[in-house]
Amino acid sequence: METGTLSTAPGRPELIDSAGWPPPTPPLCQHGAPFTLARVRLTEFWDRMRAQFGEGYAESVAKDYVLSALGSRTVNQALADGEDAKAVWRAVCEAFRVPERLR
């Protein structure tokens, strides 16, 4: 079979590679979670940032404010270093006294 063709297994078609194996599982992020989960967490994180600070100011907060709870890094630096989005959001909540309803 060629790469990208479908198997004919009854009830379970799937893509297979040229060696006949199913495609590999999604790659993992630094903490071992699938990238899809990490993307969902980042999407939720940025939704919360925009809800708290507004569309334009959220990016400024992430880029410009150094937070002690993040090891004296900015939000952007912490996320780029692989920090979990939930942990970064908690640090933002602590530093900016985010209301409970947005936590």
C-alpha atoms as a PDB file:
ATOM      1  CA  MET A   1       0.000   0.000   0.000  1.00  0.00           C
ATOM      2  CA  GLU A   2       1.077   3.579  -0.522  1.00  0.00           C
ATOM      3  CA  THR A   3       1.432   6.188   2.191  1.00  0.00           C
ATOM      4  CA  GLY A   4      -1.841   7.869   2.984  1.00  0.00           C
ATOM      5  CA  THR A   5      -4.174   5.091   1.841  1.00  0.00           C
ATOM      6  CA  LEU A   6      -6.913   3.675   4.008  1.00  0.00           C
ATOM      7  CA  SER A   7      -6.802   0.182   5.429  1.00  0.00           C
ATOM      8  CA  THR A   8      -9.753  -2.047   4.761  1.00  0.00           C
ATOM      9  CA  ALA A   9     -10.114  -3.389   8.289  1.00  0.00           C
ATOM     10  CA  PRO A  10     -13.847  -3.893   8.834  1.00  0.00           C
ATOM     11  CA  GLY A  11     -15.357  -1.091  10.867  1.00  0.00           C
ATOM     12  CA  ARG A  12     -12.048   0.650  11.486  1.00  0.00           C
ATOM     13  CA  PRO A  13     -10.476   2.321   8.497  1.00  0.00           C
ATOM     14  CA  GLU A  14      -7.310   4.261   9.278  1.00  0.00           C
ATOM     15  CA  LEU A  15      -4.406   5.827   7.471  1.00  0.00           C
ATOM     16  CA  ILE A  16      -1.379   3.616   7.116  1.00  0.00           C
ATOM     17  CA  ASP A  17       2.166   4.324   6.044  1.00  0.00           C
ATOM     18  CA  SER A  18       4.191   2.562   3.356  1.00  0.00           C
ATOM     19  CA  ALA A  19       5.297  -0.106   5.843  1.00  0.00           C
ATOM     20  CA  GLY A  20       1.683  -0.935   6.646  1.00  0.00           C
ATOM     21  CA  TRP A  21       1.702   0.501  10.142  1.00  0.00           C
ATOM     22  CA  PRO A  22      -0.858   2.999  11.475  1.00  0.00           C
ATOM     23  CA  PRO A  23       0.401   6.568  11.747  1.00  0.00           C
ATOM     24  CA  PRO A  24       2.356   7.418  14.870  1.00  0.00           C
ATOM     25  CA  THR A  25       0.580   8.840  17.886  1.00  0.00           C
ATOM     26  CA  PRO A  26       0.603  12.631  18.153  1.00  0.00           C
ATOM     27  CA  PRO A  27       3.894  14.065  19.395  1.00  0.00           C
ATOM     28  CA  LEU A  28       4.111  14.952  23.056  1.00  0.00           C
ATOM     29  CA  CYS A  29       4.921  18.321  24.585  1.00  0.00           C
ATOM     30  CA  GLN A  30       7.672  18.758  27.166  1.00  0.00           C
ATOM     31  CA  HIS A  31       5.423  17.593  30.017  1.00  0.00           C
ATOM     32  CA  GLY A  32       4.289  14.442  28.213  1.00  0.00           C
ATOM     33  CA  ALA A  33       0.793  15.639  27.251  1.00  0.00           C
ATOM     34  CA  PRO A  34      -0.320  15.420  23.636  1.00  0.00           C
ATOM     35  CA  PHE A  35       0.149  18.672  21.751  1.00  0.00           C
ATOM     36  CA  THR A  36      -3.599  18.771  21.194  1.00  0.00           C
ATOM     37  CA  LEU A  37      -4.185  19.044  24.952  1.00  0.00           C
ATOM     38  CA  ALA A  38      -1.471  21.684  25.255  1.00  0.00           C
ATOM     39  CA  ARG A  39      -3.107  23.668  22.444  1.00  0.00           C
ATOM     40  CA  VAL A  40      -6.481  23.503  24.194  1.00  0.00           C
ATOM     41  CA  ARG A  41      -4.913  24.728  27.424  1.00  0.00           C
ATOM     42  CA  LEU A  42      -3.171  27.597  25.640  1.00  0.00           C
ATOM     43  CA  THR A  43      -6.390  28.561  23.886  1.00  0.00           C
ATOM     44  CA  GLU A  44      -8.207  28.604  27.208  1.00  0.00           C
ATOM     45  CA  PHE A  45      -5.351  30.567  28.768  1.00  0.00           C
ATOM     46  CA  TRP A  46      -5.476  33.291  26.104  1.00  0.00           C
ATOM     47  CA  ASP A  47      -9.279  33.421  26.284  1.00  0.00           C
ATOM     48  CA  ARG A  48      -8.987  34.093  30.007  1.00  0.00           C
ATOM     49  CA  MET A  49      -6.238  36.679  29.507  1.00  0.00           C
ATOM     50  CA  ARG A  50      -8.395  38.563  27.005  1.00  0.00           C
ATOM     51  CA  ALA A  51     -11.440  38.334  29.292  1.00  0.00           C
ATOM     52  CA  GLN A  52      -9.452  39.840  32.166  1.00  0.00           C
ATOM     53  CA  PHE A  53      -7.309  42.432  30.394  1.00  0.00           C
ATOM     54  CA  GLY A  54      -8.976  43.053  27.041  1.00  0.00           C
ATOM     55  CA  GLU A  55      -7.869  42.128  23.539  1.00  0.00           C
ATOM     56  CA  GLY A  56      -4.870  44.450  23.198  1.00  0.00           C
ATOM     57  CA  TYR A  57      -3.743  44.716  26.801  1.00  0.00           C
ATOM     58  CA  ALA A  58      -3.558  40.938  27.361  1.00  0.00           C
ATOM     59  CA  GLU A  59      -0.618  40.683  24.968  1.00  0.00           C
ATOM     60  CA  SER A  60       1.105  43.620  26.650  1.00  0.00           C
ATOM     61  CA  VAL A  61       0.722  42.036  30.094  1.00  0.00           C
ATOM     62  CA  ALA A  62       2.127  38.751  28.767  1.00  0.00           C
ATOM     63  CA  LYS A  63       5.091  40.463  27.130  1.00  0.00           C
ATOM     64  CA  ASP A  64       5.974  43.224  29.590  1.00  0.00           C
ATOM     65  CA  TYR A  65       5.235  42.186  33.180  1.00  0.00           C
ATOM     66  CA  VAL A  66       7.818  40.123  35.035  1.00  0.00           C
ATOM     67  CA  LEU A  67       6.137  37.947  37.660  1.00  0.00           C
ATOM     68  CA  SER A  68       7.993  36.645  40.692  1.00  0.00           C
ATOM     69  CA  ALA A  69       5.716  33.588  40.812  1.00  0.00           C
ATOM     70  CA  LEU A  70       7.072  32.650  37.380  1.00  0.00           C
ATOM     71  CA  GLY A  71      10.691  32.819  38.497  1.00  0.00           C
ATOM     72  CA  SER A  72      11.082  36.448  37.452  1.00  0.00           C
ATOM     73  CA  ARG A  73       9.925  35.712  33.912  1.00  0.00           C
ATOM     74  CA  THR A  74       7.172  37.168  31.800  1.00  0.00           C
ATOM     75  CA  VAL A  75       4.119  35.127  30.862  1.00  0.00           C
ATOM     76  CA  ASN A  76       5.484  34.727  27.337  1.00  0.00           C
ATOM     77  CA  GLN A  77       8.868  33.563  28.627  1.00  0.00           C
ATOM     78  CA  ALA A  78       7.293  31.059  31.006  1.00  0.00           C
ATOM     79  CA  LEU A  79       5.058  29.599  28.296  1.00  0.00           C
ATOM     80  CA  ALA A  80       7.991  29.446  25.855  1.00  0.00           C
ATOM     81  CA  ASP A  81      10.011  27.603  28.519  1.00  0.00           C
ATOM     82  CA  GLY A  82       7.290  24.954  28.690  1.00  0.00           C
ATOM     83  CA  GLU A  83       5.489  25.996  31.872  1.00  0.00           C
ATOM     84  CA  ASP A  84       1.996  24.587  32.116  1.00  0.00           C
ATOM     85  CA  ALA A  85      -0.618  27.150  31.041  1.00  0.00           C
ATOM     86  CA  LYS A  86      -2.631  26.477  34.215  1.00  0.00           C
ATOM     87  CA  ALA A  87       0.346  27.304  36.426  1.00  0.00           C
ATOM     88  CA  VAL A  88       1.008  30.476  34.455  1.00  0.00           C
ATOM     89  CA  TRP A  89      -2.647  31.503  34.731  1.00  0.00           C
ATOM     90  CA  ARG A  90      -2.518  30.972  38.516  1.00  0.00           C
ATOM     91  CA  ALA A  91       0.517  33.261  38.687  1.00  0.00           C
ATOM     92  CA  VAL A  92      -1.319  35.915  36.660  1.00  0.00           C
ATOM     93  CA  CYS A  93      -4.356  35.604  38.945  1.00  0.00           C
ATOM     94  CA  GLU A  94      -2.182  36.067  42.010  1.00  0.00           C
ATOM     95  CA  ALA A  95      -0.244  39.033  40.624  1.00  0.00           C
ATOM     96  CA  PHE A  96      -3.252  40.911  39.243  1.00  0.00           C
ATOM     97  CA  ARG A  97      -5.928  39.872  41.756  1.00  0.00           C
ATOM     98  CA  VAL A  98      -8.138  38.351  39.090  1.00  0.00           C
ATOM     99  CA  PRO A  99     -11.752  37.952  40.298  1.00  0.00           C
ATOM    100  CA  GLU A 100     -12.791  34.445  41.317  1.00  0.00           C
ATOM    101  CA  ARG A 101     -15.346  34.219  38.507  1.00  0.00           C
ATOM    102  CA  LEU A 102     -12.515  34.436  35.937  1.00  0.00           C
ATOM    103  CA  ARG A 103     -10.087  32.064  37.623  1.00  0.00           C
END
